[in-house]
Amino acid sequence: MKTHLPYKKGFTLIELMIAIAIMALLTGIITVNLTKSRGKARDAKRVSDIGQLQLALELYFDRCNKYPASAVVSGQPTIDVASSCTTQSGAVITINTFITNIPTPGTQAGQVVYRYGTNTAPATDYVLMTVLEGYSEVVKDDLDGTVFSQNCGTANNGQGTAEVHYCVGPQ
C-alpha cells in the first residue's frame, strides 16, 4: 500500500521575497508622496493663518486708526500683543480683542512667529511674512521686494535651496 504525503499549500521562499520587495517599493512611493502632501498642508495652514491675522489687523485699524506696533520675539519681528489704543468710548483695544491666540507657523520652515513690519508711527501700513516649504500659486499674488525690512522675494536659505517668502499687506 502506498502512502501519500498530504499536499501542503503555501508560498515558496522566492514568492515571499518578491511580495515583500513589492510592498517595500510601494511603501517608499507612498511615503514620499505623503511627505509632500504634509508640506503642502502646512503651507495652506500658514496662508490661512496669515488671512486670519490680516482680518484681526484690519479690525484693529478700524477701531484705532492705526495698526499695532511690532515687537521682537526670538529674534524675529512680530505683532506686539501689548500694543493698544483707547477708543472714544474709553475702551482699551489690543490685537487680542479680535484674535484670541496669535497663530505660529511651526518650525519646519525655520520660523517661530509670523514676521510683521510697519511703517513709522502711527502705523498706517504693514507687511506680514511667512516662509513656505514649497512654491504655491498664492505666491503670484503676494508682495515682492523688501517691504518694511521684510524680504518678500525668494531668498537663499544658506543650504543651497531657495526659501519661498509669502508677504501680504493691508486689504
N, C-alpha and C. Protein backbone atom coordinates (compact mmCIF):
# COMPACT_ATOMS: atom_id res chain seq x y z
N MET A 1 0.81 -1.17 0.00
CA MET A 1 0.00 0.00 0.00
C MET A 1 0.87 1.25 0.00
N LYS A 2 0.52 2.15 -0.90
CA LYS A 2 1.28 3.39 -0.99
C LYS A 2 0.69 4.43 -0.06
N THR A 3 1.57 5.14 0.56
CA THR A 3 1.12 6.27 1.38
C THR A 3 1.52 7.57 0.69
N HIS A 4 0.61 8.45 0.63
CA HIS A 4 0.87 9.75 0.01
C HIS A 4 0.97 10.80 1.10
N LEU A 5 1.94 11.61 0.94
CA LEU A 5 2.04 12.74 1.84
C LEU A 5 0.99 13.77 1.44
N PRO A 6 0.36 14.38 2.41
CA PRO A 6 -0.66 15.38 2.04
C PRO A 6 0.01 16.59 1.37
N TYR A 7 -0.69 17.18 0.41
CA TYR A 7 -0.19 18.34 -0.32
C TYR A 7 -0.26 19.55 0.60
N LYS A 8 0.87 20.23 0.78
CA LYS A 8 0.93 21.40 1.65
C LYS A 8 0.77 22.64 0.80
N LYS A 9 -0.20 23.46 1.19
CA LYS A 9 -0.42 24.72 0.48
C LYS A 9 0.39 25.80 1.17
N GLY A 10 0.97 26.70 0.41
CA GLY A 10 1.75 27.78 0.99
C GLY A 10 2.60 28.45 -0.07
N PHE A 11 3.33 29.48 0.35
CA PHE A 11 4.19 30.22 -0.56
C PHE A 11 5.61 29.69 -0.47
N THR A 12 6.30 29.76 -1.58
CA THR A 12 7.71 29.40 -1.56
C THR A 12 8.49 30.61 -1.05
N LEU A 13 9.73 30.40 -0.72
CA LEU A 13 10.58 31.46 -0.20
C LEU A 13 10.74 32.58 -1.23
N ILE A 14 10.87 32.26 -2.48
CA ILE A 14 11.04 33.27 -3.53
C ILE A 14 9.77 34.10 -3.68
N GLU A 15 8.62 33.44 -3.63
CA GLU A 15 7.36 34.18 -3.73
C GLU A 15 7.21 35.17 -2.57
N LEU A 16 7.58 34.75 -1.39
CA LEU A 16 7.52 35.64 -0.22
C LEU A 16 8.48 36.82 -0.37
N MET A 17 9.67 36.57 -0.86
CA MET A 17 10.66 37.65 -1.03
C MET A 17 10.18 38.65 -2.07
N ILE A 18 9.57 38.19 -3.14
CA ILE A 18 9.05 39.09 -4.17
C ILE A 18 7.90 39.93 -3.60
N ALA A 19 7.02 39.31 -2.85
CA ALA A 19 5.89 40.04 -2.25
C ALA A 19 6.40 41.11 -1.28
N ILE A 20 7.39 40.80 -0.48
CA ILE A 20 7.95 41.76 0.47
C ILE A 20 8.64 42.91 -0.27
N ALA A 21 9.35 42.60 -1.35
CA ALA A 21 10.02 43.65 -2.13
C ALA A 21 9.00 44.60 -2.75
N ILE A 22 7.91 44.05 -3.28
CA ILE A 22 6.86 44.90 -3.87
C ILE A 22 6.23 45.79 -2.80
N MET A 23 5.96 45.24 -1.62
CA MET A 23 5.38 46.05 -0.54
C MET A 23 6.34 47.14 -0.09
N ALA A 24 7.62 46.84 -0.02
CA ALA A 24 8.60 47.86 0.37
C ALA A 24 8.67 48.97 -0.66
N LEU A 25 8.62 48.63 -1.94
CA LEU A 25 8.64 49.63 -3.01
C LEU A 25 7.40 50.52 -2.93
N LEU A 26 6.24 49.94 -2.77
CA LEU A 26 5.00 50.72 -2.66
C LEU A 26 5.00 51.60 -1.42
N THR A 27 5.51 51.10 -0.31
CA THR A 27 5.60 51.90 0.91
C THR A 27 6.51 53.11 0.70
N GLY A 28 7.61 52.92 0.03
CA GLY A 28 8.51 54.04 -0.26
C GLY A 28 7.85 55.10 -1.12
N ILE A 29 7.15 54.69 -2.13
CA ILE A 29 6.46 55.64 -3.03
C ILE A 29 5.40 56.41 -2.25
N ILE A 30 4.61 55.73 -1.45
CA ILE A 30 3.55 56.38 -0.68
C ILE A 30 4.14 57.35 0.34
N THR A 31 5.22 56.97 0.98
CA THR A 31 5.85 57.83 1.99
C THR A 31 6.34 59.14 1.37
N VAL A 32 6.97 59.06 0.20
CA VAL A 32 7.45 60.26 -0.48
C VAL A 32 6.28 61.17 -0.81
N ASN A 33 5.21 60.63 -1.36
CA ASN A 33 4.05 61.44 -1.71
C ASN A 33 3.36 62.01 -0.48
N LEU A 34 3.33 61.26 0.60
CA LEU A 34 2.71 61.73 1.84
C LEU A 34 3.51 62.88 2.43
N THR A 35 4.83 62.83 2.35
CA THR A 35 5.68 63.89 2.86
C THR A 35 5.41 65.19 2.12
N LYS A 36 5.28 65.13 0.80
CA LYS A 36 4.96 66.32 0.01
C LYS A 36 3.60 66.87 0.39
N SER A 37 2.64 65.99 0.59
CA SER A 37 1.29 66.42 0.95
C SER A 37 1.27 67.10 2.31
N ARG A 38 2.05 66.59 3.23
CA ARG A 38 2.11 67.22 4.56
C ARG A 38 2.70 68.61 4.48
N GLY A 39 3.74 68.80 3.66
CA GLY A 39 4.32 70.12 3.48
C GLY A 39 3.33 71.09 2.87
N LYS A 40 2.56 70.63 1.89
CA LYS A 40 1.55 71.48 1.27
C LYS A 40 0.46 71.83 2.27
N ALA A 41 0.09 70.89 3.13
CA ALA A 41 -0.93 71.15 4.15
C ALA A 41 -0.43 72.19 5.15
N ARG A 42 0.84 72.09 5.56
CA ARG A 42 1.40 73.09 6.48
C ARG A 42 1.43 74.46 5.82
N ASP A 43 1.78 74.51 4.52
CA ASP A 43 1.78 75.79 3.80
C ASP A 43 0.38 76.37 3.71
N ALA A 44 -0.62 75.53 3.46
CA ALA A 44 -2.00 76.00 3.40
C ALA A 44 -2.44 76.56 4.75
N LYS A 45 -2.00 75.94 5.84
CA LYS A 45 -2.32 76.46 7.17
C LYS A 45 -1.65 77.81 7.40
N ARG A 46 -0.41 77.96 6.93
CA ARG A 46 0.29 79.24 7.07
C ARG A 46 -0.45 80.36 6.33
N VAL A 47 -0.88 80.06 5.11
CA VAL A 47 -1.61 81.06 4.31
C VAL A 47 -2.93 81.40 5.00
N SER A 48 -3.61 80.40 5.53
CA SER A 48 -4.87 80.63 6.25
C SER A 48 -4.62 81.47 7.50
N ASP A 49 -3.56 81.16 8.25
CA ASP A 49 -3.22 81.95 9.44
C ASP A 49 -2.95 83.40 9.09
N ILE A 50 -2.23 83.63 7.99
CA ILE A 50 -1.95 85.00 7.55
C ILE A 50 -3.27 85.73 7.27
N GLY A 51 -4.22 85.05 6.64
CA GLY A 51 -5.53 85.64 6.38
C GLY A 51 -6.26 86.01 7.66
N GLN A 52 -6.19 85.14 8.68
CA GLN A 52 -6.82 85.44 9.97
C GLN A 52 -6.14 86.65 10.63
N LEU A 53 -4.82 86.70 10.55
CA LEU A 53 -4.10 87.84 11.13
C LEU A 53 -4.44 89.13 10.38
N GLN A 54 -4.57 89.05 9.06
CA GLN A 54 -4.96 90.22 8.28
C GLN A 54 -6.31 90.74 8.73
N LEU A 55 -7.26 89.85 8.94
CA LEU A 55 -8.59 90.25 9.38
C LEU A 55 -8.52 90.94 10.75
N ALA A 56 -7.77 90.35 11.68
CA ALA A 56 -7.62 90.95 13.01
C ALA A 56 -6.95 92.32 12.92
N LEU A 57 -5.93 92.45 12.06
CA LEU A 57 -5.26 93.74 11.90
C LEU A 57 -6.19 94.79 11.32
N GLU A 58 -7.04 94.40 10.36
CA GLU A 58 -7.98 95.35 9.77
C GLU A 58 -9.03 95.79 10.79
N LEU A 59 -9.50 94.86 11.62
CA LEU A 59 -10.45 95.22 12.67
C LEU A 59 -9.81 96.15 13.69
N TYR A 60 -8.56 95.89 14.05
CA TYR A 60 -7.82 96.77 14.96
C TYR A 60 -7.69 98.16 14.35
N PHE A 61 -7.32 98.22 13.07
CA PHE A 61 -7.16 99.51 12.38
C PHE A 61 -8.49 100.26 12.34
N ASP A 62 -9.58 99.53 12.13
CA ASP A 62 -10.90 100.15 12.07
C ASP A 62 -11.25 100.86 13.38
N ARG A 63 -10.85 100.28 14.50
CA ARG A 63 -11.14 100.87 15.80
C ARG A 63 -10.11 101.90 16.25
N CYS A 64 -8.85 101.71 15.86
CA CYS A 64 -7.76 102.53 16.40
C CYS A 64 -7.17 103.52 15.40
N ASN A 65 -7.51 103.41 14.13
CA ASN A 65 -6.94 104.24 13.06
C ASN A 65 -5.43 104.09 12.93
N LYS A 66 -4.92 102.97 13.36
CA LYS A 66 -3.51 102.61 13.19
C LYS A 66 -3.39 101.11 13.38
N TYR A 67 -2.29 100.55 12.90
CA TYR A 67 -2.02 99.14 13.11
C TYR A 67 -1.17 98.99 14.37
N PRO A 68 -1.19 97.82 15.01
CA PRO A 68 -0.36 97.64 16.20
C PRO A 68 1.12 97.74 15.87
N ALA A 69 1.90 98.07 16.87
CA ALA A 69 3.35 98.14 16.71
C ALA A 69 3.92 96.74 16.56
N SER A 70 5.19 96.68 16.22
CA SER A 70 5.85 95.37 16.11
C SER A 70 6.74 95.17 17.33
N ALA A 71 6.98 93.93 17.66
CA ALA A 71 7.87 93.55 18.75
C ALA A 71 8.79 92.44 18.24
N VAL A 72 9.89 92.22 18.94
CA VAL A 72 10.83 91.17 18.54
C VAL A 72 10.66 89.98 19.47
N VAL A 73 10.37 88.82 18.86
CA VAL A 73 10.23 87.57 19.59
C VAL A 73 11.18 86.57 18.96
N SER A 74 12.06 86.00 19.75
CA SER A 74 13.05 85.03 19.27
C SER A 74 13.84 85.58 18.09
N GLY A 75 14.15 86.86 18.14
CA GLY A 75 14.96 87.49 17.10
C GLY A 75 14.21 87.85 15.84
N GLN A 76 12.89 87.66 15.82
CA GLN A 76 12.10 87.96 14.63
C GLN A 76 11.01 88.97 14.97
N PRO A 77 10.80 89.97 14.09
CA PRO A 77 9.77 90.95 14.36
C PRO A 77 8.37 90.36 14.16
N THR A 78 7.49 90.61 15.10
CA THR A 78 6.12 90.10 15.03
C THR A 78 5.16 91.13 15.61
N ILE A 79 3.90 90.82 15.64
CA ILE A 79 2.88 91.74 16.16
C ILE A 79 3.05 91.88 17.66
N ASP A 80 3.06 93.12 18.14
CA ASP A 80 3.16 93.39 19.57
C ASP A 80 1.78 93.23 20.18
N VAL A 81 1.58 92.15 20.94
CA VAL A 81 0.26 91.89 21.54
C VAL A 81 -0.04 92.87 22.66
N ALA A 82 0.96 93.58 23.17
CA ALA A 82 0.74 94.56 24.22
C ALA A 82 0.38 95.93 23.64
N SER A 83 0.54 96.12 22.35
CA SER A 83 0.20 97.38 21.70
C SER A 83 -1.30 97.61 21.83
N SER A 84 -1.69 98.83 22.24
CA SER A 84 -3.11 99.09 22.45
C SER A 84 -3.47 100.53 22.08
N CYS A 85 -4.77 100.77 22.03
CA CYS A 85 -5.28 102.12 21.84
C CYS A 85 -6.56 102.25 22.67
N THR A 86 -6.96 103.46 22.89
CA THR A 86 -8.19 103.72 23.63
C THR A 86 -9.19 104.38 22.69
N THR A 87 -10.37 103.80 22.60
CA THR A 87 -11.40 104.34 21.71
C THR A 87 -12.06 105.55 22.35
N GLN A 88 -12.91 106.23 21.59
CA GLN A 88 -13.62 107.41 22.11
C GLN A 88 -14.50 107.06 23.29
N SER A 89 -14.99 105.83 23.34
CA SER A 89 -15.84 105.40 24.46
C SER A 89 -15.01 105.00 25.68
N GLY A 90 -13.69 105.02 25.56
CA GLY A 90 -12.81 104.67 26.68
C GLY A 90 -12.39 103.22 26.72
N ALA A 91 -12.81 102.43 25.75
CA ALA A 91 -12.43 101.02 25.73
C ALA A 91 -10.98 100.87 25.27
N VAL A 92 -10.25 99.99 25.95
CA VAL A 92 -8.86 99.70 25.57
C VAL A 92 -8.88 98.52 24.60
N ILE A 93 -8.31 98.74 23.42
CA ILE A 93 -8.31 97.74 22.37
C ILE A 93 -6.89 97.21 22.17
N THR A 94 -6.75 95.88 22.14
CA THR A 94 -5.50 95.23 21.76
C THR A 94 -5.81 94.29 20.60
N ILE A 95 -4.78 93.76 19.99
CA ILE A 95 -4.99 92.81 18.89
C ILE A 95 -5.73 91.57 19.40
N ASN A 96 -5.55 91.22 20.68
CA ASN A 96 -6.23 90.06 21.25
C ASN A 96 -7.74 90.26 21.38
N THR A 97 -8.20 91.50 21.21
CA THR A 97 -9.64 91.75 21.18
C THR A 97 -10.27 91.06 19.98
N PHE A 98 -9.50 90.93 18.90
CA PHE A 98 -10.02 90.41 17.63
C PHE A 98 -9.53 89.01 17.29
N ILE A 99 -8.47 88.57 17.90
CA ILE A 99 -7.96 87.21 17.68
C ILE A 99 -7.39 86.73 19.01
N THR A 100 -7.96 85.66 19.56
CA THR A 100 -7.58 85.25 20.91
C THR A 100 -6.16 84.72 21.00
N ASN A 101 -5.73 83.96 20.02
CA ASN A 101 -4.36 83.43 20.01
C ASN A 101 -3.69 83.81 18.71
N ILE A 102 -2.52 84.42 18.82
CA ILE A 102 -1.74 84.71 17.62
C ILE A 102 -1.16 83.38 17.13
N PRO A 103 -1.50 82.93 15.93
CA PRO A 103 -1.00 81.64 15.45
C PRO A 103 0.50 81.66 15.21
N THR A 104 1.09 80.49 15.24
CA THR A 104 2.51 80.35 14.94
C THR A 104 2.66 79.45 13.72
N PRO A 105 3.68 79.69 12.90
CA PRO A 105 3.80 78.94 11.65
C PRO A 105 4.38 77.55 11.77
N GLY A 106 4.83 77.13 12.92
CA GLY A 106 5.52 75.85 13.02
C GLY A 106 6.98 76.06 12.66
N THR A 107 7.81 75.13 13.01
CA THR A 107 9.25 75.33 12.83
C THR A 107 9.82 74.61 11.62
N GLN A 108 8.99 73.99 10.80
CA GLN A 108 9.51 73.25 9.65
C GLN A 108 10.25 74.16 8.68
N ALA A 109 9.79 75.41 8.54
CA ALA A 109 10.43 76.34 7.62
C ALA A 109 11.39 77.27 8.35
N GLY A 110 11.70 76.98 9.60
CA GLY A 110 12.68 77.76 10.35
C GLY A 110 12.13 79.02 11.00
N GLN A 111 10.82 79.16 11.10
CA GLN A 111 10.23 80.33 11.72
C GLN A 111 9.57 79.94 13.03
N VAL A 112 9.52 80.88 13.97
CA VAL A 112 8.78 80.65 15.21
C VAL A 112 7.59 81.59 15.31
N VAL A 113 7.58 82.67 14.54
CA VAL A 113 6.46 83.62 14.51
C VAL A 113 6.23 84.07 13.07
N TYR A 114 5.05 84.62 12.81
CA TYR A 114 4.82 85.27 11.53
C TYR A 114 5.46 86.64 11.62
N ARG A 115 6.34 86.94 10.68
CA ARG A 115 7.06 88.21 10.73
C ARG A 115 6.15 89.35 10.33
N TYR A 116 6.34 90.50 10.99
CA TYR A 116 5.45 91.64 10.84
C TYR A 116 6.27 92.91 10.87
N GLY A 117 5.98 93.81 9.97
CA GLY A 117 6.66 95.10 9.97
C GLY A 117 5.66 96.20 9.63
N THR A 118 5.91 97.39 10.15
CA THR A 118 5.03 98.53 9.89
C THR A 118 5.86 99.73 9.46
N ASN A 119 5.15 100.74 8.93
CA ASN A 119 5.82 102.00 8.64
C ASN A 119 5.93 102.79 9.95
N THR A 120 6.39 104.02 9.88
CA THR A 120 6.60 104.80 11.09
C THR A 120 5.29 105.12 11.80
N ALA A 121 5.40 105.45 13.10
CA ALA A 121 4.22 105.73 13.93
C ALA A 121 3.52 106.99 13.46
N PRO A 122 2.21 107.05 13.46
CA PRO A 122 1.32 105.92 13.69
C PRO A 122 1.34 104.98 12.49
N ALA A 123 1.32 103.70 12.77
CA ALA A 123 1.45 102.70 11.72
C ALA A 123 0.18 102.68 10.86
N THR A 124 0.32 103.08 9.61
CA THR A 124 -0.82 103.10 8.68
C THR A 124 -0.65 102.08 7.56
N ASP A 125 0.42 101.31 7.61
CA ASP A 125 0.69 100.29 6.60
C ASP A 125 1.49 99.18 7.28
N TYR A 126 1.39 97.98 6.77
CA TYR A 126 2.11 96.85 7.38
C TYR A 126 2.43 95.81 6.33
N VAL A 127 3.25 94.85 6.72
CA VAL A 127 3.50 93.65 5.92
C VAL A 127 3.58 92.47 6.88
N LEU A 128 2.94 91.37 6.49
CA LEU A 128 3.03 90.09 7.19
C LEU A 128 3.77 89.13 6.29
N MET A 129 4.72 88.38 6.84
CA MET A 129 5.54 87.49 6.02
C MET A 129 5.66 86.13 6.68
N THR A 130 5.64 85.10 5.84
CA THR A 130 5.93 83.74 6.29
C THR A 130 6.76 83.04 5.23
N VAL A 131 7.46 82.01 5.65
CA VAL A 131 8.26 81.19 4.74
C VAL A 131 7.46 79.93 4.44
N LEU A 132 7.26 79.66 3.16
CA LEU A 132 6.57 78.44 2.75
C LEU A 132 7.58 77.33 2.47
N GLU A 133 7.15 76.11 2.60
CA GLU A 133 8.05 74.97 2.37
C GLU A 133 8.23 74.67 0.90
N GLY A 134 7.30 75.11 0.07
CA GLY A 134 7.38 74.87 -1.36
C GLY A 134 6.65 75.96 -2.10
N TYR A 135 6.88 76.02 -3.41
CA TYR A 135 6.21 77.04 -4.21
C TYR A 135 4.71 76.76 -4.25
N SER A 136 3.93 77.83 -4.21
CA SER A 136 2.48 77.72 -4.27
C SER A 136 1.94 78.80 -5.19
N GLU A 137 0.77 78.60 -5.73
CA GLU A 137 0.16 79.58 -6.63
C GLU A 137 -0.14 80.89 -5.92
N VAL A 138 -0.32 80.88 -4.59
CA VAL A 138 -0.63 82.12 -3.87
C VAL A 138 0.52 83.11 -3.93
N VAL A 139 1.72 82.63 -4.17
CA VAL A 139 2.89 83.50 -4.22
C VAL A 139 2.80 84.48 -5.40
N LYS A 140 2.04 84.12 -6.42
CA LYS A 140 1.91 85.01 -7.57
C LYS A 140 1.23 86.33 -7.20
N ASP A 141 0.37 86.31 -6.18
CA ASP A 141 -0.40 87.49 -5.81
C ASP A 141 0.13 88.21 -4.58
N ASP A 142 1.29 87.83 -4.08
CA ASP A 142 1.79 88.46 -2.86
C ASP A 142 2.66 89.67 -3.18
N LEU A 143 3.17 90.32 -2.13
CA LEU A 143 4.07 91.45 -2.29
C LEU A 143 5.47 90.94 -2.63
N ASP A 144 6.23 91.72 -3.38
CA ASP A 144 7.59 91.34 -3.74
C ASP A 144 8.55 92.44 -3.33
N GLY A 145 9.82 92.09 -3.24
CA GLY A 145 10.85 93.06 -2.86
C GLY A 145 11.01 93.11 -1.35
N THR A 146 11.61 94.19 -0.86
CA THR A 146 11.77 94.40 0.58
C THR A 146 10.75 95.42 1.03
N VAL A 147 9.89 95.02 1.96
CA VAL A 147 8.83 95.88 2.46
C VAL A 147 8.97 95.96 3.98
N PHE A 148 9.18 97.18 4.49
CA PHE A 148 9.33 97.41 5.93
C PHE A 148 10.32 96.42 6.55
N SER A 149 11.47 96.32 5.96
CA SER A 149 12.60 95.48 6.37
C SER A 149 12.31 93.98 6.28
N GLN A 150 11.23 93.58 5.63
CA GLN A 150 10.94 92.16 5.42
C GLN A 150 11.25 91.80 3.98
N ASN A 151 12.06 90.75 3.79
CA ASN A 151 12.40 90.29 2.45
C ASN A 151 11.22 89.49 1.90
N CYS A 152 10.52 90.07 0.95
CA CYS A 152 9.34 89.42 0.38
C CYS A 152 9.63 88.72 -0.93
N GLY A 153 10.88 88.61 -1.29
CA GLY A 153 11.24 87.87 -2.50
C GLY A 153 11.73 86.49 -2.13
N THR A 154 12.16 85.75 -3.11
CA THR A 154 12.75 84.44 -2.86
C THR A 154 14.17 84.65 -2.37
N ALA A 155 14.54 83.96 -1.32
CA ALA A 155 15.87 84.13 -0.73
C ALA A 155 16.58 82.80 -0.61
N ASN A 156 17.90 82.85 -0.60
CA ASN A 156 18.71 81.65 -0.38
C ASN A 156 18.71 81.36 1.11
N ASN A 157 18.43 80.13 1.48
CA ASN A 157 18.36 79.77 2.90
C ASN A 157 19.70 79.33 3.47
N GLY A 158 20.77 79.47 2.71
CA GLY A 158 22.09 79.09 3.20
C GLY A 158 22.40 77.61 3.03
N GLN A 159 21.44 76.83 2.55
CA GLN A 159 21.64 75.40 2.36
C GLN A 159 21.60 75.04 0.88
N GLY A 160 21.73 76.06 0.04
CA GLY A 160 21.76 75.81 -1.40
C GLY A 160 20.40 75.75 -2.06
N THR A 161 19.34 75.96 -1.29
CA THR A 161 17.99 75.97 -1.88
C THR A 161 17.33 77.31 -1.58
N ALA A 162 16.29 77.60 -2.31
CA ALA A 162 15.60 78.88 -2.17
C ALA A 162 14.45 78.77 -1.17
N GLU A 163 14.29 79.83 -0.36
CA GLU A 163 13.13 79.94 0.52
C GLU A 163 12.05 80.70 -0.23
N VAL A 164 10.84 80.25 -0.12
CA VAL A 164 9.72 80.94 -0.74
C VAL A 164 9.05 81.80 0.32
N HIS A 165 9.14 83.12 0.15
CA HIS A 165 8.55 84.05 1.11
C HIS A 165 7.19 84.49 0.60
N TYR A 166 6.21 84.46 1.48
CA TYR A 166 4.85 84.88 1.15
C TYR A 166 4.54 86.11 2.01
N CYS A 167 4.29 87.24 1.36
CA CYS A 167 4.04 88.50 2.06
C CYS A 167 2.71 89.10 1.65
N VAL A 168 2.00 89.67 2.61
CA VAL A 168 0.76 90.38 2.33
C VAL A 168 0.76 91.70 3.09
N GLY A 169 -0.05 92.61 2.61
CA GLY A 169 -0.22 93.91 3.25
C GLY A 169 -1.69 94.16 3.51
N PRO A 170 -2.05 95.43 3.78
CA PRO A 170 -3.45 95.74 4.06
C PRO A 170 -4.36 95.36 2.89
N GLN A 171 -5.58 94.95 3.24
CA GLN A 171 -6.52 94.53 2.20
C GLN A 171 -7.24 95.72 1.60
